[in-house]
PDB file of N, CA and C in Angstrom:
ATOM      1  N   UNK A   1       9.360  36.511  10.876  1.00  0.00           N
ATOM      2  CA  UNK A   1       8.232  35.622  10.684  1.00  0.00           C
ATOM      3  C   UNK A   1       8.259  35.118   9.236  1.00  0.00           C
ATOM      4  N   UNK A   2       8.111  33.828   9.064  1.00  0.00           N
ATOM      5  CA  UNK A   2       8.118  33.202   7.748  1.00  0.00           C
ATOM      6  C   UNK A   2       6.684  33.158   7.208  1.00  0.00           C
ATOM      7  N   UNK A   3       6.285  34.238   6.535  1.00  0.00           N
ATOM      8  CA  UNK A   3       4.903  34.353   6.053  1.00  0.00           C
ATOM      9  C   UNK A   3       4.534  33.254   5.062  1.00  0.00           C
ATOM     10  N   UNK A   4       5.480  32.892   4.195  1.00  0.00           N
ATOM     11  CA  UNK A   4       5.180  31.874   3.186  1.00  0.00           C
ATOM     12  C   UNK A   4       4.855  30.531   3.836  1.00  0.00           C
ATOM     13  N   UNK A   5       5.637  30.150   4.824  1.00  0.00           N
ATOM     14  CA  UNK A   5       5.400  28.874   5.506  1.00  0.00           C
ATOM     15  C   UNK A   5       4.083  28.902   6.271  1.00  0.00           C
ATOM     16  N   UNK A   6       3.812  30.008   6.939  1.00  0.00           N
ATOM     17  CA  UNK A   6       2.560  30.125   7.697  1.00  0.00           C
ATOM     18  C   UNK A   6       1.367  30.092   6.750  1.00  0.00           C
ATOM     19  N   UNK A   7       1.465  30.799   5.643  1.00  0.00           N
ATOM     20  CA  UNK A   7       0.386  30.795   4.652  1.00  0.00           C
ATOM     21  C   UNK A   7       0.151  29.388   4.131  1.00  0.00           C
ATOM     22  N   UNK A   8       1.214  28.666   3.847  1.00  0.00           N
ATOM     23  CA  UNK A   8       1.098  27.296   3.352  1.00  0.00           C
ATOM     24  C   UNK A   8       0.410  26.388   4.371  1.00  0.00           C
ATOM     25  N   UNK A   9       0.784  26.507   5.627  1.00  0.00           N
ATOM     26  CA  UNK A   9       0.169  25.697   6.687  1.00  0.00           C
ATOM     27  C   UNK A   9      -1.323  25.987   6.772  1.00  0.00           C
ATOM     28  N   UNK A  10      -1.675  27.262   6.765  1.00  0.00           N
ATOM     29  CA  UNK A  10      -3.087  27.640   6.872  1.00  0.00           C
ATOM     30  C   UNK A  10      -3.867  27.162   5.654  1.00  0.00           C
ATOM     31  N   UNK A  11      -3.327  27.372   4.458  1.00  0.00           N
ATOM     32  CA  UNK A  11      -4.021  26.943   3.242  1.00  0.00           C
ATOM     33  C   UNK A  11      -4.231  25.434   3.217  1.00  0.00           C
ATOM     34  N   UNK A  12      -3.223  24.671   3.612  1.00  0.00           N
ATOM     35  CA  UNK A  12      -3.367  23.209   3.649  1.00  0.00           C
ATOM     36  C   UNK A  12      -4.434  22.787   4.644  1.00  0.00           C
ATOM     37  N   UNK A  13      -4.480  23.449   5.780  1.00  0.00           N
ATOM     38  CA  UNK A  13      -5.501  23.120   6.782  1.00  0.00           C
ATOM     39  C   UNK A  13      -6.895  23.415   6.242  1.00  0.00           C
ATOM     40  N   UNK A  14      -7.060  24.563   5.610  1.00  0.00           N
ATOM     41  CA  UNK A  14      -8.381  24.928   5.090  1.00  0.00           C
ATOM     42  C   UNK A  14      -8.821  23.981   3.985  1.00  0.00           C
ATOM     43  N   UNK A  15      -7.881  23.526   3.166  1.00  0.00           N
ATOM     44  CA  UNK A  15      -8.209  22.563   2.109  1.00  0.00           C
ATOM     45  C   UNK A  15      -8.656  21.219   2.677  1.00  0.00           C
ATOM     46  N   UNK A  16      -8.202  20.909   3.881  1.00  0.00           N
ATOM     47  CA  UNK A  16      -8.545  19.611   4.468  1.00  0.00           C
ATOM     48  C   UNK A  16      -9.973  19.578   5.009  1.00  0.00           C
ATOM     49  N   UNK A  17     -10.606  20.731   5.103  1.00  0.00           N
ATOM     50  CA  UNK A  17     -11.985  20.775   5.585  1.00  0.00           C
ATOM     51  C   UNK A  17     -12.937  20.161   4.572  1.00  0.00           C
ATOM     52  N   UNK A  18     -14.143  19.875   5.026  1.00  0.00           N
ATOM     53  CA  UNK A  18     -15.110  19.237   4.138  1.00  0.00           C
ATOM     54  C   UNK A  18     -16.188  20.203   3.640  1.00  0.00           C
ATOM     55  N   UNK A  19     -15.952  21.507   3.798  1.00  0.00           N
ATOM     56  CA  UNK A  19     -16.911  22.504   3.325  1.00  0.00           C
ATOM     57  C   UNK A  19     -16.180  23.636   2.613  1.00  0.00           C
ATOM     58  N   UNK A  20     -16.937  24.344   1.808  1.00  0.00           N
ATOM     59  CA  UNK A  20     -16.475  25.579   1.183  1.00  0.00           C
ATOM     60  C   UNK A  20     -17.298  26.701   1.800  1.00  0.00           C
ATOM     61  N   UNK A  21     -16.665  27.818   2.146  1.00  0.00           N
ATOM     62  CA  UNK A  21     -17.436  28.904   2.769  1.00  0.00           C
ATOM     63  C   UNK A  21     -18.602  29.347   1.890  1.00  0.00           C
ATOM     64  N   UNK A  22     -19.735  29.576   2.531  1.00  0.00           N
ATOM     65  CA  UNK A  22     -20.908  30.065   1.822  1.00  0.00           C
ATOM     66  C   UNK A  22     -20.779  31.547   1.512  1.00  0.00           C
ATOM     67  N   UNK A  23     -21.675  32.028   0.715  1.00  0.00           N
ATOM     68  CA  UNK A  23     -21.630  33.419   0.269  1.00  0.00           C
ATOM     69  C   UNK A  23     -21.660  34.399   1.440  1.00  0.00           C
ATOM     70  N   UNK A  24     -22.381  34.067   2.498  1.00  0.00           N
ATOM     71  CA  UNK A  24     -22.498  34.985   3.627  1.00  0.00           C
ATOM     72  C   UNK A  24     -21.249  34.990   4.502  1.00  0.00           C
ATOM     73  N   UNK A  25     -20.499  33.901   4.472  1.00  0.00           N
ATOM     74  CA  UNK A  25     -19.255  33.833   5.250  1.00  0.00           C
ATOM     75  C   UNK A  25     -18.050  34.334   4.461  1.00  0.00           C
ATOM     76  N   UNK A  26     -18.173  34.385   3.157  1.00  0.00           N
ATOM     77  CA  UNK A  26     -17.026  34.698   2.306  1.00  0.00           C
ATOM     78  C   UNK A  26     -16.408  36.065   2.606  1.00  0.00           C
ATOM     79  N   UNK A  27     -17.225  37.077   2.784  1.00  0.00           N
ATOM     80  CA  UNK A  27     -16.690  38.418   3.071  1.00  0.00           C
ATOM     81  C   UNK A  27     -15.927  38.424   4.389  1.00  0.00           C
ATOM     82  N   UNK A  28     -16.465  37.729   5.384  1.00  0.00           N
ATOM     83  CA  UNK A  28     -15.788  37.657   6.685  1.00  0.00           C
ATOM     84  C   UNK A  28     -14.457  36.915   6.558  1.00  0.00           C
ATOM     85  N   UNK A  29     -14.465  35.825   5.817  1.00  0.00           N
ATOM     86  CA  UNK A  29     -13.247  35.034   5.620  1.00  0.00           C
ATOM     87  C   UNK A  29     -12.189  35.859   4.888  1.00  0.00           C
ATOM     88  N   UNK A  30     -12.596  36.603   3.883  1.00  0.00           N
ATOM     89  CA  UNK A  30     -11.642  37.433   3.138  1.00  0.00           C
ATOM     90  C   UNK A  30     -11.068  38.535   4.028  1.00  0.00           C
ATOM     91  N   UNK A  31     -11.875  39.078   4.926  1.00  0.00           N
ATOM     92  CA  UNK A  31     -11.383  40.098   5.859  1.00  0.00           C
ATOM     93  C   UNK A  31     -10.363  39.494   6.821  1.00  0.00           C
ATOM     94  N   UNK A  32     -10.634  38.285   7.295  1.00  0.00           N
ATOM     95  CA  UNK A  32      -9.690  37.598   8.183  1.00  0.00           C
ATOM     96  C   UNK A  32      -8.389  37.320   7.433  1.00  0.00           C
ATOM     97  N   UNK A  33      -8.502  36.879   6.188  1.00  0.00           N
ATOM     98  CA  UNK A  33      -7.305  36.613   5.374  1.00  0.00           C
ATOM     99  C   UNK A  33      -6.447  37.871   5.251  1.00  0.00           C
ATOM    100  N   UNK A  34      -7.079  38.999   4.982  1.00  0.00           N
ATOM    101  CA  UNK A  34      -6.334  40.259   4.855  1.00  0.00           C
ATOM    102  C   UNK A  34      -5.651  40.622   6.171  1.00  0.00           C
ATOM    103  N   UNK A  35      -6.348  40.403   7.281  1.00  0.00           N
ATOM    104  CA  UNK A  35      -5.752  40.684   8.593  1.00  0.00           C
ATOM    105  C   UNK A  35      -4.541  39.793   8.843  1.00  0.00           C
ATOM    106  N   UNK A  36      -4.674  38.515   8.523  1.00  0.00           N
ATOM    107  CA  UNK A  36      -3.565  37.577   8.727  1.00  0.00           C
ATOM    108  C   UNK A  36      -2.375  37.968   7.856  1.00  0.00           C
ATOM    109  N   UNK A  37      -2.642  38.349   6.622  1.00  0.00           N
ATOM    110  CA  UNK A  37      -1.554  38.731   5.720  1.00  0.00           C
ATOM    111  C   UNK A  37      -0.823  39.983   6.189  1.00  0.00           C
ATOM    112  N   UNK A  38      -1.495  40.821   6.956  1.00  0.00           N
ATOM    113  CA  UNK A  38      -0.845  42.045   7.435  1.00  0.00           C
ATOM    114  C   UNK A  38      -0.142  41.851   8.780  1.00  0.00           C
ATOM    115  N   UNK A  39      -0.271  40.677   9.363  1.00  0.00           N
ATOM    116  CA  UNK A  39       0.379  40.401  10.647  1.00  0.00           C
ATOM    117  C   UNK A  39       1.897  40.394  10.486  1.00  0.00           C
ATOM    118  N   UNK A  40       2.573  40.821  11.546  1.00  0.00           N
ATOM    119  CA  UNK A  40       4.036  40.837  11.521  1.00  0.00           C
ATOM    120  C   UNK A  40       4.645  39.876  12.534  1.00  0.00           C
ATOM    121  N   UNK A  41       3.806  39.241  13.349  1.00  0.00           N
ATOM    122  CA  UNK A  41       4.311  38.276  14.322  1.00  0.00           C
ATOM    123  C   UNK A  41       3.456  37.016  14.309  1.00  0.00           C
ATOM    124  N   UNK A  42       4.070  35.930  14.717  1.00  0.00           N
ATOM    125  CA  UNK A  42       3.348  34.666  14.832  1.00  0.00           C
ATOM    126  C   UNK A  42       2.229  34.796  15.862  1.00  0.00           C
ATOM    127  N   UNK A  43       2.502  35.469  16.962  1.00  0.00           N
ATOM    128  CA  UNK A  43       1.472  35.638  17.991  1.00  0.00           C
ATOM    129  C   UNK A  43       0.256  36.383  17.461  1.00  0.00           C
ATOM    130  N   UNK A  44       0.466  37.346  16.582  1.00  0.00           N
ATOM    131  CA  UNK A  44      -0.659  38.067  15.985  1.00  0.00           C
ATOM    132  C   UNK A  44      -1.494  37.131  15.111  1.00  0.00           C
ATOM    133  N   UNK A  45      -0.827  36.290  14.331  1.00  0.00           N
ATOM    134  CA  UNK A  45      -1.532  35.310  13.495  1.00  0.00           C
ATOM    135  C   UNK A  45      -2.330  34.350  14.375  1.00  0.00           C
ATOM    136  N   UNK A  46      -1.682  33.831  15.406  1.00  0.00           N
ATOM    137  CA  UNK A  46      -2.355  32.888  16.303  1.00  0.00           C
ATOM    138  C   UNK A  46      -3.527  33.549  17.015  1.00  0.00           C
ATOM    139  N   UNK A  47      -3.377  34.814  17.363  1.00  0.00           N
ATOM    140  CA  UNK A  47      -4.468  35.546  18.000  1.00  0.00           C
ATOM    141  C   UNK A  47      -5.677  35.662  17.091  1.00  0.00           C
ATOM    142  N   UNK A  48      -5.440  35.928  15.813  1.00  0.00           N
ATOM    143  CA  UNK A  48      -6.548  36.020  14.859  1.00  0.00           C
ATOM    144  C   UNK A  48      -7.213  34.667  14.645  1.00  0.00           C
ATOM    145  N   UNK A  49      -6.414  33.632  14.559  1.00  0.00           N
ATOM    146  CA  UNK A  49      -6.992  32.290  14.405  1.00  0.00           C
ATOM    147  C   UNK A  49      -7.862  31.969  15.609  1.00  0.00           C
ATOM    148  N   UNK A  50      -7.368  32.267  16.791  1.00  0.00           N
ATOM    149  CA  UNK A  50      -8.136  31.996  18.004  1.00  0.00           C
ATOM    150  C   UNK A  50      -9.409  32.841  18.055  1.00  0.00           C
ATOM    151  N   UNK A  51      -9.285  34.108  17.705  1.00  0.00           N
ATOM    152  CA  UNK A  51     -10.433  35.021  17.737  1.00  0.00           C
ATOM    153  C   UNK A  51     -11.543  34.568  16.793  1.00  0.00           C
ATOM    154  N   UNK A  52     -11.165  34.013  15.644  1.00  0.00           N
ATOM    155  CA  UNK A  52     -12.142  33.640  14.619  1.00  0.00           C
ATOM    156  C   UNK A  52     -12.284  32.125  14.469  1.00  0.00           C
ATOM    157  N   UNK A  53     -11.871  31.403  15.469  1.00  0.00           N
ATOM    158  CA  UNK A  53     -11.859  29.936  15.430  1.00  0.00           C
ATOM    159  C   UNK A  53     -13.221  29.344  15.067  1.00  0.00           C
ATOM    160  N   UNK A  54     -14.286  29.850  15.678  1.00  0.00           N
ATOM    161  CA  UNK A  54     -15.618  29.291  15.415  1.00  0.00           C
ATOM    162  C   UNK A  54     -16.044  29.489  13.962  1.00  0.00           C
ATOM    163  N   UNK A  55     -15.831  30.687  13.439  1.00  0.00           N
ATOM    164  CA  UNK A  55     -16.196  30.959  12.049  1.00  0.00           C
ATOM    165  C   UNK A  55     -15.366  30.108  11.092  1.00  0.00           C
ATOM    166  N   UNK A  56     -14.068  30.027  11.331  1.00  0.00           N
ATOM    167  CA  UNK A  56     -13.189  29.231  10.470  1.00  0.00           C
ATOM    168  C   UNK A  56     -13.628  27.769  10.488  1.00  0.00           C
ATOM    169  N   UNK A  57     -13.910  27.265  11.665  1.00  0.00           N
ATOM    170  CA  UNK A  57     -14.344  25.876  11.810  1.00  0.00           C
ATOM    171  C   UNK A  57     -15.643  25.627  11.051  1.00  0.00           C
ATOM    172  N   UNK A  58     -16.608  26.508  11.251  1.00  0.00           N
ATOM    173  CA  UNK A  58     -17.916  26.347  10.610  1.00  0.00           C
ATOM    174  C   UNK A  58     -17.818  26.515   9.094  1.00  0.00           C
ATOM    175  N   UNK A  59     -17.124  27.541   8.645  1.00  0.00           N
ATOM    176  CA  UNK A  59     -17.082  27.856   7.216  1.00  0.00           C
ATOM    177  C   UNK A  59     -16.351  26.793   6.396  1.00  0.00           C
ATOM    178  N   UNK A  60     -15.321  26.179   6.983  1.00  0.00           N
ATOM    179  CA  UNK A  60     -14.523  25.202   6.238  1.00  0.00           C
ATOM    180  C   UNK A  60     -14.775  23.760   6.671  1.00  0.00           C
ATOM    181  N   UNK A  61     -15.629  23.556   7.660  1.00  0.00           N
ATOM    182  CA  UNK A  61     -15.917  22.203   8.121  1.00  0.00           C
ATOM    183  C   UNK A  61     -14.732  21.550   8.798  1.00  0.00           C
ATOM    184  N   UNK A  62     -13.991  22.333   9.579  1.00  0.00           N
ATOM    185  CA  UNK A  62     -12.807  21.814  10.266  1.00  0.00           C
ATOM    186  C   UNK A  62     -13.134  21.427  11.701  1.00  0.00           C
ATOM    187  N   UNK A  63     -12.527  20.356  12.148  1.00  0.00           N
ATOM    188  CA  UNK A  63     -12.684  19.946  13.542  1.00  0.00           C
ATOM    189  C   UNK A  63     -11.789  20.804  14.427  1.00  0.00           C
ATOM    190  N   UNK A  64     -12.070  20.795  15.702  1.00  0.00           N
ATOM    191  CA  UNK A  64     -11.232  21.506  16.668  1.00  0.00           C
ATOM    192  C   UNK A  64      -9.813  20.949  16.634  1.00  0.00           C
ATOM    193  N   UNK A  65      -9.691  19.642  16.461  1.00  0.00           N
ATOM    194  CA  UNK A  65      -8.363  19.019  16.384  1.00  0.00           C
ATOM    195  C   UNK A  65      -7.569  19.532  15.184  1.00  0.00           C
ATOM    196  N   UNK A  66      -8.232  19.712  14.047  1.00  0.00           N
ATOM    197  CA  UNK A  66      -7.545  20.207  12.849  1.00  0.00           C
ATOM    198  C   UNK A  66      -7.046  21.634  13.062  1.00  0.00           C
ATOM    199  N   UNK A  67      -7.844  22.443  13.710  1.00  0.00           N
ATOM    200  CA  UNK A  67      -7.422  23.821  13.981  1.00  0.00           C
ATOM    201  C   UNK A  67      -6.271  23.827  14.973  1.00  0.00           C
ATOM    202  N   UNK A  68      -6.359  23.013  15.997  1.00  0.00           N
ATOM    203  CA  UNK A  68      -5.289  22.962  16.996  1.00  0.00           C
ATOM    204  C   UNK A  68      -3.990  22.447  16.376  1.00  0.00           C
ATOM    205  N   UNK A  69      -4.092  21.479  15.482  1.00  0.00           N
ATOM    206  CA  UNK A  69      -2.903  20.968  14.788  1.00  0.00           C
ATOM    207  C   UNK A  69      -2.254  22.077  13.951  1.00  0.00           C
ATOM    208  N   UNK A  70      -3.073  22.880  13.308  1.00  0.00           N
ATOM    209  CA  UNK A  70      -2.568  24.013  12.526  1.00  0.00           C
ATOM    210  C   UNK A  70      -1.842  25.008  13.419  1.00  0.00           C
ATOM    211  N   UNK A  71      -2.436  25.314  14.557  1.00  0.00           N
ATOM    212  CA  UNK A  71      -1.817  26.234  15.516  1.00  0.00           C
ATOM    213  C   UNK A  71      -0.459  25.696  15.961  1.00  0.00           C
ATOM    214  N   UNK A  72      -0.389  24.406  16.252  1.00  0.00           N
ATOM    215  CA  UNK A  72       0.871  23.808  16.698  1.00  0.00           C
ATOM    216  C   UNK A  72       1.936  23.857  15.602  1.00  0.00           C
ATOM    217  N   UNK A  73       1.536  23.635  14.355  1.00  0.00           N
ATOM    218  CA  UNK A  73       2.488  23.704  13.239  1.00  0.00           C
ATOM    219  C   UNK A  73       3.031  25.120  13.078  1.00  0.00           C
ATOM    220  N   UNK A  74       2.162  26.107  13.242  1.00  0.00           N
ATOM    221  CA  UNK A  74       2.611  27.502  13.134  1.00  0.00           C
ATOM    222  C   UNK A  74       3.564  27.833  14.270  1.00  0.00           C
ATOM    223  N   UNK A  75       3.240  27.387  15.470  1.00  0.00           N
ATOM    224  CA  UNK A  75       4.132  27.626  16.618  1.00  0.00           C
ATOM    225  C   UNK A  75       5.499  26.985  16.396  1.00  0.00           C
ATOM    226  N   UNK A  76       5.511  25.812  15.781  1.00  0.00           N
ATOM    227  CA  UNK A  76       6.762  25.077  15.566  1.00  0.00           C
ATOM    228  C   UNK A  76       7.700  25.809  14.603  1.00  0.00           C
ATOM    229  N   UNK A  77       7.159  26.599  13.714  1.00  0.00           N
ATOM    230  CA  UNK A  77       7.990  27.344  12.759  1.00  0.00           C
ATOM    231  C   UNK A  77       8.918  28.305  13.487  1.00  0.00           C
ATOM    232  N   UNK A  78       8.389  28.960  14.482  1.00  0.00           N
ATOM    233  CA  UNK A  78       9.167  29.964  15.205  1.00  0.00           C
ATOM    234  C   UNK A  78      10.013  29.364  16.316  1.00  0.00           C
ATOM    235  N   UNK A  79       9.797  28.078  16.569  1.00  0.00           N
ATOM    236  CA  UNK A  79      10.604  27.402  17.587  1.00  0.00           C
ATOM    237  C   UNK A  79      10.102  27.720  18.906  1.00  0.00           C
TER     238      UNK A  79
END
């Protein structure tokens, strides 16, 4: 698994949102980040994104399309 590429894709997607996580969401977001960083497979990363999709969308102001595009880019890395 190419962690650097996956991290870059996720960071770029989060930057494209129109919000910054609020203080109450920040702890949850940091916990998700730690979980993603400890993943060893693409499927594990995608599972976490899917599990926390609503929070990620709300906290960063991302559309469903932006999240789905991110998922597709991550899938494309592994072929």
